[in-house]
C-alpha atoms as a PDB file:
ATOM      1  CA  MET A   1      50.953 -60.790  32.204  1.00  0.00           C
ATOM      2  CA  ARG A   2      49.272 -60.207  35.552  1.00  0.00           C
ATOM      3  CA  VAL A   3      46.016 -62.073  36.182  1.00  0.00           C
ATOM      4  CA  THR A   4      43.598 -60.771  38.791  1.00  0.00           C
ATOM      5  CA  ARG A   5      40.860 -63.185  39.770  1.00  0.00           C
ATOM      6  CA  ARG A   6      37.466 -61.857  40.827  1.00  0.00           C
ATOM      7  CA  SER A   7      34.820 -63.753  42.756  1.00  0.00           C
ATOM      8  CA  PRO A   8      31.604 -64.097  40.730  1.00  0.00           C
ATOM      9  CA  THR A   9      29.602 -63.314  43.900  1.00  0.00           C
ATOM     10  CA  LEU A  10      31.469 -60.087  44.731  1.00  0.00           C
ATOM     11  CA  GLY A  11      28.869 -57.363  45.246  1.00  0.00           C
ATOM     12  CA  MET A  12      25.995 -59.858  44.946  1.00  0.00           C
ATOM     13  CA  LYS A  13      22.739 -58.103  45.752  1.00  0.00           C
ATOM     14  CA  PRO A  14      20.795 -59.488  48.683  1.00  0.00           C
ATOM     15  CA  PRO A  15      17.592 -61.366  47.836  1.00  0.00           C
ATOM     16  CA  ASN A  16      14.210 -60.265  49.134  1.00  0.00           C
ATOM     17  CA  GLY A  17      13.982 -60.799  52.880  1.00  0.00           C
ATOM     18  CA  ALA A  18      17.730 -60.552  53.485  1.00  0.00           C
ATOM     19  CA  ILE A  19      19.120 -58.331  56.226  1.00  0.00           C
ATOM     20  CA  VAL A  20      22.024 -56.140  55.127  1.00  0.00           C
ATOM     21  CA  LEU A  21      24.384 -56.240  58.096  1.00  0.00           C
ATOM     22  CA  PHE A  22      27.151 -54.076  56.657  1.00  0.00           C
ATOM     23  CA  ASP A  23      27.561 -52.036  53.483  1.00  0.00           C
ATOM     24  CA  GLY A  24      30.000 -49.318  54.554  1.00  0.00           C
ATOM     25  CA  THR A  25      27.372 -46.796  55.607  1.00  0.00           C
ATOM     26  CA  ASN A  26      27.226 -47.562  59.355  1.00  0.00           C
ATOM     27  CA  VAL A  27      27.883 -50.208  62.016  1.00  0.00           C
ATOM     28  CA  ASP A  28      24.392 -50.135  63.547  1.00  0.00           C
ATOM     29  CA  GLN A  29      23.919 -53.902  63.181  1.00  0.00           C
ATOM     30  CA  PHE A  30      27.087 -54.693  65.192  1.00  0.00           C
ATOM     31  CA  GLU A  31      27.985 -54.682  68.877  1.00  0.00           C
ATOM     32  CA  ASN A  32      31.133 -52.566  69.317  1.00  0.00           C
ATOM     33  CA  GLY A  33      31.351 -52.216  65.543  1.00  0.00           C
ATOM     34  CA  ARG A  34      34.198 -50.088  64.212  1.00  0.00           C
ATOM     35  CA  MET A  35      34.962 -48.828  60.717  1.00  0.00           C
ATOM     36  CA  THR A  36      38.189 -47.701  59.123  1.00  0.00           C
ATOM     37  CA  ASP A  37      38.421 -44.253  57.547  1.00  0.00           C
ATOM     38  CA  ASP A  38      37.735 -45.871  54.168  1.00  0.00           C
ATOM     39  CA  LYS A  39      34.447 -47.419  55.432  1.00  0.00           C
ATOM     40  CA  LEU A  40      35.566 -51.016  56.007  1.00  0.00           C
ATOM     41  CA  LEU A  41      34.452 -53.114  58.981  1.00  0.00           C
ATOM     42  CA  ILE A  42      37.106 -54.103  61.519  1.00  0.00           C
ATOM     43  CA  PRO A  43      36.883 -57.610  63.052  1.00  0.00           C
ATOM     44  CA  GLY A  44      36.262 -58.150  66.746  1.00  0.00           C
ATOM     45  CA  THR A  45      32.517 -57.627  66.597  1.00  0.00           C
ATOM     46  CA  THR A  46      29.252 -59.559  66.626  1.00  0.00           C
ATOM     47  CA  THR A  47      25.896 -58.804  65.070  1.00  0.00           C
ATOM     48  CA  ARG A  48      23.101 -57.401  67.190  1.00  0.00           C
ATOM     49  CA  PRO A  49      20.533 -59.615  65.418  1.00  0.00           C
ATOM     50  CA  ARG A  50      20.697 -63.302  66.247  1.00  0.00           C
ATOM     51  CA  PHE A  51      19.995 -66.021  63.758  1.00  0.00           C
ATOM     52  CA  GLN A  52      19.146 -69.658  63.212  1.00  0.00           C
ATOM     53  CA  SER A  53      19.372 -71.170  59.710  1.00  0.00           C
ATOM     54  CA  GLY A  54      19.967 -69.127  56.578  1.00  0.00           C
ATOM     55  CA  THR A  55      22.386 -67.876  53.929  1.00  0.00           C
ATOM     56  CA  LEU A  56      25.321 -65.625  54.767  1.00  0.00           C
ATOM     57  CA  HIS A  57      27.235 -63.538  52.208  1.00  0.00           C
ATOM     58  CA  VAL A  58      30.550 -62.050  53.395  1.00  0.00           C
ATOM     59  CA  GLU A  59      33.167 -60.047  51.487  1.00  0.00           C
ATOM     60  CA  PHE A  60      36.592 -59.898  53.114  1.00  0.00           C
ATOM     61  CA  GLN A  61      40.198 -58.965  52.473  1.00  0.00           C
ATOM     62  CA  VAL A  62      43.305 -60.329  54.167  1.00  0.00           C
ATOM     63  CA  PRO A  63      46.374 -58.093  54.566  1.00  0.00           C
ATOM     64  CA  TYR A  64      49.825 -58.783  53.223  1.00  0.00           C
ATOM     65  CA  ALA A  65      51.333 -60.140  56.444  1.00  0.00           C
ATOM     66  CA  PRO A  66      53.410 -63.238  55.658  1.00  0.00           C
ATOM     67  CA  GLU A  67      54.945 -63.520  59.111  1.00  0.00           C
ATOM     68  CA  VAL A  68      53.714 -66.418  61.190  1.00  0.00           C
ATOM     69  CA  PRO A  69      51.408 -66.643  63.082  1.00  0.00           C
ATOM     70  CA  SER A  70      49.409 -63.672  61.792  1.00  0.00           C
ATOM     71  CA  ARG A  71      48.924 -64.297  58.041  1.00  0.00           C
ATOM     72  CA  GLY A  72      45.686 -62.320  58.099  1.00  0.00           C
ATOM     73  CA  ASN A  73      43.958 -64.476  60.689  1.00  0.00           C
ATOM     74  CA  SER A  74      40.231 -64.034  61.360  1.00  0.00           C
ATOM     75  CA  GLY A  75      37.095 -66.134  61.074  1.00  0.00           C
ATOM     76  CA  VAL A  76      33.369 -65.961  60.450  1.00  0.00           C
ATOM     77  CA  TYR A  77      31.312 -67.690  63.135  1.00  0.00           C
ATOM     78  CA  LEU A  78      27.711 -68.664  62.469  1.00  0.00           C
ATOM     79  CA  GLN A  79      25.737 -68.338  65.727  1.00  0.00           C
ATOM     80  CA  SER A  80      29.120 -67.579  67.382  1.00  0.00           C
ATOM     81  CA  ARG A  81      29.521 -71.382  67.399  1.00  0.00           C
ATOM     82  CA  TYR A  82      30.665 -72.635  63.990  1.00  0.00           C
ATOM     83  CA  GLU A  83      33.652 -71.023  62.273  1.00  0.00           C
ATOM     84  CA  VAL A  84      34.794 -70.810  58.693  1.00  0.00           C
ATOM     85  CA  GLN A  85      38.467 -69.819  58.863  1.00  0.00           C
ATOM     86  CA  ILE A  86      39.874 -66.681  57.222  1.00  0.00           C
ATOM     87  CA  LEU A  87      43.622 -66.663  56.613  1.00  0.00           C
ATOM     88  CA  ASP A  88      46.170 -65.761  53.947  1.00  0.00           C
ATOM     89  CA  SER A  89      46.477 -69.313  52.600  1.00  0.00           C
ATOM     90  CA  ILE A  90      47.670 -68.621  49.062  1.00  0.00           C
ATOM     91  CA  GLY A  91      50.068 -71.403  48.094  1.00  0.00           C
ATOM     92  CA  PHE A  92      48.996 -73.669  50.974  1.00  0.00           C
ATOM     93  CA  ASP A  93      47.228 -77.017  50.746  1.00  0.00           C
ATOM     94  CA  PRO A  94      43.745 -77.291  52.261  1.00  0.00           C
ATOM     95  CA  HIS A  95      43.696 -77.891  56.024  1.00  0.00           C
ATOM     96  CA  ASN A  96      40.976 -77.355  58.597  1.00  0.00           C
ATOM     97  CA  HIS A  97      42.916 -74.376  59.989  1.00  0.00           C
ATOM     98  CA  GLU A  98      43.676 -72.786  56.577  1.00  0.00           C
ATOM     99  CA  CYS A  99      41.327 -70.432  54.716  1.00  0.00           C
ATOM    100  CA  GLY A 100      37.971 -72.075  54.056  1.00  0.00           C
ATOM    101  CA  GLY A 101      38.534 -74.742  56.682  1.00  0.00           C
ATOM    102  CA  ILE A 102      36.071 -75.558  59.433  1.00  0.00           C
ATOM    103  CA  PRO A 103      38.506 -75.655  62.376  1.00  0.00           C
ATOM    104  CA  SER A 104      38.884 -79.045  64.096  1.00  0.00           C
ATOM    105  CA  ILE A 105      36.324 -80.536  61.701  1.00  0.00           C
ATOM    106  CA  LYS A 106      37.153 -80.389  57.980  1.00  0.00           C
ATOM    107  CA  ALA A 107      39.524 -78.908  55.424  1.00  0.00           C
ATOM    108  CA  ALA A 108      38.100 -77.253  52.320  1.00  0.00           C
ATOM    109  CA  ASP A 109      37.730 -79.654  49.390  1.00  0.00           C
ATOM    110  CA  VAL A 110      39.809 -77.273  47.272  1.00  0.00           C
ATOM    111  CA  MET A 111      41.936 -74.233  48.182  1.00  0.00           C
ATOM    112  CA  MET A 112      40.324 -71.158  46.619  1.00  0.00           C
ATOM    113  CA  SER A 113      42.237 -68.363  48.386  1.00  0.00           C
ATOM    114  CA  TYR A 114      43.141 -65.272  46.436  1.00  0.00           C
ATOM    115  CA  PRO A 115      46.339 -63.344  47.186  1.00  0.00           C
ATOM    116  CA  PRO A 116      46.363 -60.818  50.042  1.00  0.00           C
ATOM    117  CA  LEU A 117      44.709 -57.436  49.382  1.00  0.00           C
ATOM    118  CA  GLN A 118      42.205 -58.899  46.899  1.00  0.00           C
ATOM    119  CA  TRP A 119      38.531 -59.001  47.862  1.00  0.00           C
ATOM    120  CA  GLN A 120      37.173 -62.489  48.476  1.00  0.00           C
ATOM    121  CA  THR A 121      33.747 -63.935  49.227  1.00  0.00           C
ATOM    122  CA  TYR A 122      32.142 -66.604  51.363  1.00  0.00           C
ATOM    123  CA  ASP A 123      28.605 -67.694  50.591  1.00  0.00           C
ATOM    124  CA  ILE A 124      27.459 -70.014  53.341  1.00  0.00           C
ATOM    125  CA  GLU A 125      24.241 -72.038  53.526  1.00  0.00           C
ATOM    126  CA  PHE A 126      23.839 -72.774  57.226  1.00  0.00           C
ATOM    127  CA  THR A 127      21.404 -75.137  58.920  1.00  0.00           C
ATOM    128  CA  ALA A 128      21.270 -74.785  62.699  1.00  0.00           C
ATOM    129  CA  ALA A 129      21.560 -77.775  64.999  1.00  0.00           C
ATOM    130  CA  GLN A 130      18.303 -79.121  66.396  1.00  0.00           C
ATOM    131  CA  ILE A 131      18.497 -79.176  70.181  1.00  0.00           C
ATOM    132  CA  GLN A 132      15.585 -79.562  72.553  1.00  0.00           C
ATOM    133  CA  ASP A 133      15.715 -79.929  76.329  1.00  0.00           C
ATOM    134  CA  GLY A 134      19.500 -80.098  76.070  1.00  0.00           C
ATOM    135  CA  LYS A 135      19.461 -83.054  73.669  1.00  0.00           C
ATOM    136  CA  LYS A 136      20.682 -82.728  70.106  1.00  0.00           C
ATOM    137  CA  SER A 137      18.734 -84.610  67.466  1.00  0.00           C
ATOM    138  CA  LYS A 138      20.570 -83.124  64.446  1.00  0.00           C
ATOM    139  CA  SER A 139      23.950 -81.475  64.078  1.00  0.00           C
ATOM    140  CA  ALA A 140      24.483 -78.159  62.320  1.00  0.00           C
ATOM    141  CA  ARG A 141      25.311 -78.341  58.606  1.00  0.00           C
ATOM    142  CA  MET A 142      27.137 -76.016  56.195  1.00  0.00           C
ATOM    143  CA  THR A 143      27.565 -75.648  52.471  1.00  0.00           C
ATOM    144  CA  VAL A 144      30.312 -73.121  51.693  1.00  0.00           C
ATOM    145  CA  ARG A 145      31.370 -71.437  48.478  1.00  0.00           C
ATOM    146  CA  HIS A 146      34.684 -69.578  48.566  1.00  0.00           C
ATOM    147  CA  ASN A 147      35.064 -67.103  45.725  1.00  0.00           C
ATOM    148  CA  GLY A 148      32.134 -68.791  44.010  1.00  0.00           C
ATOM    149  CA  VAL A 149      33.565 -72.325  44.171  1.00  0.00           C
ATOM    150  CA  LEU A 150      31.984 -75.089  46.274  1.00  0.00           C
ATOM    151  CA  ILE A 151      34.460 -76.040  49.017  1.00  0.00           C
ATOM    152  CA  HIS A 152      32.084 -77.752  51.512  1.00  0.00           C
ATOM    153  CA  ASP A 153      28.970 -79.583  50.353  1.00  0.00           C
ATOM    154  CA  ASP A 154      26.356 -80.044  53.110  1.00  0.00           C
ATOM    155  CA  VAL A 155      28.996 -80.866  55.727  1.00  0.00           C
ATOM    156  CA  GLU A 156      27.895 -82.016  59.170  1.00  0.00           C
ATOM    157  CA  VAL A 157      29.351 -79.844  61.938  1.00  0.00           C
ATOM    158  CA  PRO A 158      29.020 -82.137  64.969  1.00  0.00           C
ATOM    159  CA  HIS A 159      30.174 -79.659  67.616  1.00  0.00           C
ATOM    160  CA  ALA A 160      31.154 -76.039  68.155  1.00  0.00           C
ATOM    161  CA  THR A 161      34.478 -75.342  66.426  1.00  0.00           C
ATOM    162  CA  THR A 162      37.816 -74.540  68.048  1.00  0.00           C
ATOM    163  CA  SER A 163      37.880 -71.104  69.757  1.00  0.00           C
ATOM    164  CA  SER A 164      34.112 -70.748  69.476  1.00  0.00           C
ATOM    165  CA  PRO A 165      32.857 -68.108  71.927  1.00  0.00           C
ATOM    166  CA  TRP A 166      29.561 -69.991  72.448  1.00  0.00           C
ATOM    167  CA  GLU A 167      28.753 -73.597  73.262  1.00  0.00           C
ATOM    168  CA  GLU A 168      26.147 -75.415  71.212  1.00  0.00           C
ATOM    169  CA  GLY A 169      22.586 -74.556  72.166  1.00  0.00           C
ATOM    170  CA  SER A 170      19.071 -74.206  70.832  1.00  0.00           C
ATOM    171  CA  GLU A 171      18.884 -70.411  70.994  1.00  0.00           C
ATOM    172  CA  PRO A 172      19.717 -68.210  67.991  1.00  0.00           C
ATOM    173  CA  GLY A 173      23.190 -66.704  67.940  1.00  0.00           C
ATOM    174  CA  PRO A 174      24.986 -63.736  66.378  1.00  0.00           C
ATOM    175  CA  ILE A 175      27.457 -63.755  63.533  1.00  0.00           C
ATOM    176  CA  ASN A 176      30.882 -63.198  65.034  1.00  0.00           C
ATOM    177  CA  LEU A 177      33.821 -61.740  63.088  1.00  0.00           C
ATOM    178  CA  GLN A 178      36.856 -62.936  64.988  1.00  0.00           C
ATOM    179  CA  GLU A 179      39.611 -60.523  65.953  1.00  0.00           C
ATOM    180  CA  HIS A 180      42.981 -62.240  65.896  1.00  0.00           C
ATOM    181  CA  GLY A 181      45.436 -59.342  65.768  1.00  0.00           C
ATOM    182  CA  ALA A 182      45.392 -59.043  61.978  1.00  0.00           C
ATOM    183  CA  ALA A 183      44.209 -56.245  59.688  1.00  0.00           C
ATOM    184  CA  VAL A 184      41.486 -58.314  58.009  1.00  0.00           C
ATOM    185  CA  ARG A 185      38.703 -56.105  56.652  1.00  0.00           C
ATOM    186  CA  TYR A 186      35.077 -56.676  55.660  1.00  0.00           C
ATOM    187  CA  ARG A 187      33.052 -54.541  53.253  1.00  0.00           C
ATOM    188  CA  TYR A 188      29.702 -56.172  52.511  1.00  0.00           C
ATOM    189  CA  ILE A 189      27.705 -58.642  54.614  1.00  0.00           C
ATOM    190  CA  TRP A 190      24.113 -59.829  54.434  1.00  0.00           C
ATOM    191  CA  PHE A 191      22.073 -62.691  55.894  1.00  0.00           C
ATOM    192  CA  LEU A 192      18.904 -64.286  54.521  1.00  0.00           C
ATOM    193  CA  PRO A 193      17.050 -66.126  57.303  1.00  0.00           C
ATOM    194  CA  ARG A 194      15.418 -69.416  56.426  1.00  0.00           C
END
């Protein structure tokens, strides 16, 4: 018998005050945003709005591409500084460079990847670093749920992650969907500023 898992936050409606960044109708909220013919967002784009702290909901799908190094590689960067890795990691142990990992910082507490071609979710509570006059008083922090399961609980992110396009700073930053040569697709994204 085939079992298909479904994230409990798939299609979760945005709360009051949230900004819908992508829902398949247009790419107006993205710099150089591109859609497939079936209305999915292609990685390699950043949001026009810039953000500090808040909650990010992302729905994504990795392709069936078992050859190394592709494996459906992409990533979601908060403020273009702090990445949560996207990768086809089904059957792999948690690692900071596998799906759900915070590259160079921390592996997910549990591997929650679904098989390729199934829709998955990240729900990320992000707290921006506190930096004033070039001095950091508090590091960024993240709580991450992958497919509804807690995989990072209020984790300190002491520096920008590997391959981050931006250095740490006090100014707001965009959400960056990393392009890494793989046919990862996104279909629903919203952000609730805090």
